[in-house]
C-alpha atoms as a PDB file:
ATOM      1  CA  MET A   1      30.363  12.932   8.962  1.00  0.00           C
ATOM      2  CA  ALA A   2      31.222  16.551   9.685  1.00  0.00           C
ATOM      3  CA  GLY A   3      28.789  18.832  11.569  1.00  0.00           C
ATOM      4  CA  ASP A   4      26.267  20.312   9.167  1.00  0.00           C
ATOM      5  CA  GLU A   5      27.142  18.202   6.124  1.00  0.00           C
ATOM      6  CA  LEU A   6      24.069  16.509   4.614  1.00  0.00           C
ATOM      7  CA  LEU A   7      24.052  13.190   2.830  1.00  0.00           C
ATOM      8  CA  MET A   8      21.632  13.702  -0.010  1.00  0.00           C
ATOM      9  CA  ASP A   9      20.689  11.818  -3.100  1.00  0.00           C
ATOM     10  CA  LYS A  10      21.923  13.974  -5.979  1.00  0.00           C
ATOM     11  CA  ARG A  11      18.424  13.846  -7.478  1.00  0.00           C
ATOM     12  CA  VAL A  12      16.978  15.522  -4.370  1.00  0.00           C
ATOM     13  CA  ARG A  13      17.211  19.262  -4.740  1.00  0.00           C
ATOM     14  CA  PRO A  14      16.231  21.346  -1.740  1.00  0.00           C
ATOM     15  CA  ILE A  15      13.547  23.901  -2.391  1.00  0.00           C
ATOM     16  CA  LYS A  16      13.616  27.447  -1.089  1.00  0.00           C
ATOM     17  CA  THR A  17      12.348  28.084   2.458  1.00  0.00           C
ATOM     18  CA  ALA A  18      11.684  31.100   4.644  1.00  0.00           C
ATOM     19  CA  LYS A  19      15.462  31.592   4.848  1.00  0.00           C
ATOM     20  CA  THR A  20      15.655  31.737   1.057  1.00  0.00           C
ATOM     21  CA  PRO A  21      13.524  33.714  -1.423  1.00  0.00           C
ATOM     22  CA  LYS A  22      11.084  31.183  -2.932  1.00  0.00           C
ATOM     23  CA  PRO A  23       8.649  29.035  -0.863  1.00  0.00           C
ATOM     24  CA  ALA A  24       7.712  25.453  -1.707  1.00  0.00           C
ATOM     25  CA  THR A  25       4.750  25.267  -4.036  1.00  0.00           C
ATOM     26  CA  SER A  26       3.872  21.588  -4.340  1.00  0.00           C
ATOM     27  CA  VAL A  27       3.540  18.645  -1.980  1.00  0.00           C
ATOM     28  CA  ASP A  28       6.245  16.885  -4.013  1.00  0.00           C
ATOM     29  CA  GLU A  29       8.715  19.744  -3.373  1.00  0.00           C
ATOM     30  CA  GLN A  30       7.744  19.979   0.284  1.00  0.00           C
ATOM     31  CA  LEU A  31       8.331  16.256   0.844  1.00  0.00           C
ATOM     32  CA  ARG A  32      11.705  16.264  -0.914  1.00  0.00           C
ATOM     33  CA  PHE A  33      12.778  19.288   1.148  1.00  0.00           C
ATOM     34  CA  ALA A  34      11.538  17.838   4.448  1.00  0.00           C
ATOM     35  CA  ILE A  35      13.355  14.542   3.820  1.00  0.00           C
ATOM     36  CA  ALA A  36      16.593  16.239   2.743  1.00  0.00           C
ATOM     37  CA  TYR A  37      16.642  18.471   5.834  1.00  0.00           C
ATOM     38  CA  LYS A  38      14.978  16.036   8.284  1.00  0.00           C
ATOM     39  CA  ARG A  39      12.080  18.363   9.029  1.00  0.00           C
ATOM     40  CA  LEU A  40       8.730  17.240  10.428  1.00  0.00           C
ATOM     41  CA  ILE A  41       5.662  17.751   8.277  1.00  0.00           C
ATOM     42  CA  GLN A  42       2.035  18.325   9.201  1.00  0.00           C
ATOM     43  CA  VAL A  43      -0.428  16.773   6.805  1.00  0.00           C
ATOM     44  CA  THR A  44      -4.159  16.388   6.617  1.00  0.00           C
ATOM     45  CA  TYR A  45      -4.864  12.833   5.468  1.00  0.00           C
ATOM     46  CA  ASP A  46      -8.177  10.983   5.708  1.00  0.00           C
ATOM     47  CA  ALA A  47      -9.579  14.089   7.460  1.00  0.00           C
ATOM     48  CA  HIS A  48      -7.017  13.748  10.294  1.00  0.00           C
ATOM     49  CA  VAL A  49      -4.197  16.168  11.035  1.00  0.00           C
ATOM     50  CA  ARG A  50      -0.960  14.243  11.567  1.00  0.00           C
ATOM     51  CA  VAL A  51       2.610  15.251  12.367  1.00  0.00           C
ATOM     52  CA  LEU A  52       5.085  12.969  10.643  1.00  0.00           C
ATOM     53  CA  GLU A  53       8.760  12.239  10.133  1.00  0.00           C
ATOM     54  CA  PRO A  54       8.967  11.685   6.349  1.00  0.00           C
ATOM     55  CA  HIS A  55      11.382   8.822   5.567  1.00  0.00           C
ATOM     56  CA  ASP A  56      10.880   7.436   2.044  1.00  0.00           C
ATOM     57  CA  PHE A  57       9.104   9.059  -0.903  1.00  0.00           C
ATOM     58  CA  GLY A  58       8.593   7.339  -4.238  1.00  0.00           C
ATOM     59  CA  ILE A  59       6.485   5.058  -6.390  1.00  0.00           C
ATOM     60  CA  GLN A  60       5.377   1.709  -5.050  1.00  0.00           C
ATOM     61  CA  LYS A  61       2.829  -0.535  -6.737  1.00  0.00           C
ATOM     62  CA  LYS A  62       2.316   2.142  -9.439  1.00  0.00           C
ATOM     63  CA  GLU A  63       1.257   4.788  -6.904  1.00  0.00           C
ATOM     64  CA  THR A  64       3.194   7.733  -5.458  1.00  0.00           C
ATOM     65  CA  ARG A  65       3.548   7.121  -1.728  1.00  0.00           C
ATOM     66  CA  LEU A  66       5.211   8.431   1.414  1.00  0.00           C
ATOM     67  CA  LEU A  67       6.533   6.208   4.186  1.00  0.00           C
ATOM     68  CA  ALA A  68       6.498   8.237   7.389  1.00  0.00           C
ATOM     69  CA  TYR A  69       6.616   7.783  11.127  1.00  0.00           C
ATOM     70  CA  GLN A  70       3.716   9.524  12.857  1.00  0.00           C
ATOM     71  CA  VAL A  71       4.774  11.279  16.060  1.00  0.00           C
ATOM     72  CA  ARG A  72       1.469  12.947  16.955  1.00  0.00           C
ATOM     73  CA  GLY A  73      -2.006  13.674  15.662  1.00  0.00           C
ATOM     74  CA  GLY A  74      -5.115  11.772  14.672  1.00  0.00           C
ATOM     75  CA  SER A  75      -5.645   8.490  12.915  1.00  0.00           C
ATOM     76  CA  ALA A  76      -8.392   6.702  11.033  1.00  0.00           C
ATOM     77  CA  HIS A  77      -7.690   3.716  13.302  1.00  0.00           C
ATOM     78  CA  ALA A  78      -8.346   5.181  16.753  1.00  0.00           C
ATOM     79  CA  ASN A  79      -8.006   1.797  18.471  1.00  0.00           C
ATOM     80  CA  LYS A  80      -4.411   1.470  17.182  1.00  0.00           C
ATOM     81  CA  GLY A  81      -3.367   4.952  18.294  1.00  0.00           C
ATOM     82  CA  GLY A  82      -1.779   7.635  16.172  1.00  0.00           C
ATOM     83  CA  ARG A  83       1.931   6.864  16.581  1.00  0.00           C
ATOM     84  CA  GLY A  84       3.903   4.556  14.334  1.00  0.00           C
ATOM     85  CA  TRP A  85       4.744   3.804  10.716  1.00  0.00           C
ATOM     86  CA  LYS A  86       2.296   4.979   8.049  1.00  0.00           C
ATOM     87  CA  MET A  87       2.251   4.465   4.290  1.00  0.00           C
ATOM     88  CA  LEU A  88       0.376   7.386   2.731  1.00  0.00           C
ATOM     89  CA  LYS A  89      -0.824   7.785  -0.827  1.00  0.00           C
ATOM     90  CA  LEU A  90       0.222  11.180  -2.161  1.00  0.00           C
ATOM     91  CA  SER A  91      -3.156  11.552  -3.905  1.00  0.00           C
ATOM     92  CA  LYS A  92      -4.914  11.449  -0.507  1.00  0.00           C
ATOM     93  CA  ILE A  93      -2.801  14.143   1.188  1.00  0.00           C
ATOM     94  CA  GLU A  94      -5.194  17.086   1.498  1.00  0.00           C
ATOM     95  CA  SER A  95      -2.626  19.588   2.802  1.00  0.00           C
ATOM     96  CA  CYS A  96       1.053  19.598   3.747  1.00  0.00           C
ATOM     97  CA  VAL A  97       3.186  22.045   5.728  1.00  0.00           C
ATOM     98  CA  VAL A  98       6.903  21.680   6.451  1.00  0.00           C
ATOM     99  CA  LEU A  99       7.489  22.474  10.126  1.00  0.00           C
ATOM    100  CA  ASP A 100      10.561  24.065  11.712  1.00  0.00           C
ATOM    101  CA  GLU A 101      10.982  21.022  13.995  1.00  0.00           C
ATOM    102  CA  THR A 102      13.618  18.498  12.959  1.00  0.00           C
ATOM    103  CA  PHE A 103      14.111  14.792  13.639  1.00  0.00           C
ATOM    104  CA  HIS A 104      17.274  12.706  13.958  1.00  0.00           C
ATOM    105  CA  GLY A 105      16.997  10.697  10.746  1.00  0.00           C
ATOM    106  CA  SER A 106      16.400   7.062   9.993  1.00  0.00           C
ATOM    107  CA  ARG A 107      14.642   4.906  12.578  1.00  0.00           C
ATOM    108  CA  ALA A 108      15.938   1.748  10.904  1.00  0.00           C
ATOM    109  CA  LEU A 109      18.452  -0.436  12.663  1.00  0.00           C
ATOM    110  CA  SER A 110      21.625  -1.140  10.712  1.00  0.00           C
ATOM    111  CA  ASN A 111      20.490  -4.732  10.083  1.00  0.00           C
ATOM    112  CA  GLN A 112      16.997  -3.798   8.854  1.00  0.00           C
ATOM    113  CA  GLY A 113      16.144  -3.764   5.186  1.00  0.00           C
ATOM    114  CA  HIS A 114      14.150  -1.093   3.402  1.00  0.00           C
ATOM    115  CA  LEU A 115      10.843  -1.472   1.584  1.00  0.00           C
ATOM    116  CA  ALA A 116      10.968  -2.299  -2.106  1.00  0.00           C
ATOM    117  CA  TRP A 117      10.145   0.724  -4.287  1.00  0.00           C
ATOM    118  CA  ASP A 118       9.490   0.854  -8.040  1.00  0.00           C
ATOM    119  CA  GLN A 119      11.199   4.265  -8.001  1.00  0.00           C
ATOM    120  CA  LEU A 120      12.580   6.107  -4.980  1.00  0.00           C
ATOM    121  CA  PHE A 121      12.600   9.925  -5.134  1.00  0.00           C
ATOM    122  CA  ALA A 122      14.031  10.644  -1.690  1.00  0.00           C
ATOM    123  CA  ARG A 123      15.113   8.777   1.461  1.00  0.00           C
ATOM    124  CA  VAL A 124      16.177  10.228   4.785  1.00  0.00           C
ATOM    125  CA  ASP A 125      19.842   9.545   5.479  1.00  0.00           C
ATOM    126  CA  GLU A 126      20.832   6.959   8.009  1.00  0.00           C
ATOM    127  CA  ILE A 127      21.945   7.820  11.514  1.00  0.00           C
ATOM    128  CA  PRO A 128      25.742   7.714  11.651  1.00  0.00           C
ATOM    129  CA  GLN A 129      26.982   4.717  13.651  1.00  0.00           C
ATOM    130  CA  PRO A 130      29.665   5.374  16.340  1.00  0.00           C
END
């Protein structure tokens, strides 16, 4: 893959950012943008502020959900720590901000499968293998 070329699902359309005229207006748009451009997000969820790598966004078990890897922030399960994989219900995200920080892409190994989704809106691209 060449330098800045992005692998994107054709259904994922990047929204406008600070470098372009129109800011994101909905959590849906923010998540699609963050996944397409591998940008960290900061969300408030279950009254905890979390910083996440958004990986998959879609409908699973009839509910809109986000699969993300938490890199810092709080958690409802203090004894388990804040880092790791989280499945968030979109309806419970109280606020969302796309950060300037980026992440490398998929954390999946080449032999790992993905979760089953009823409908997938966006998925972070895989890390190119050497």
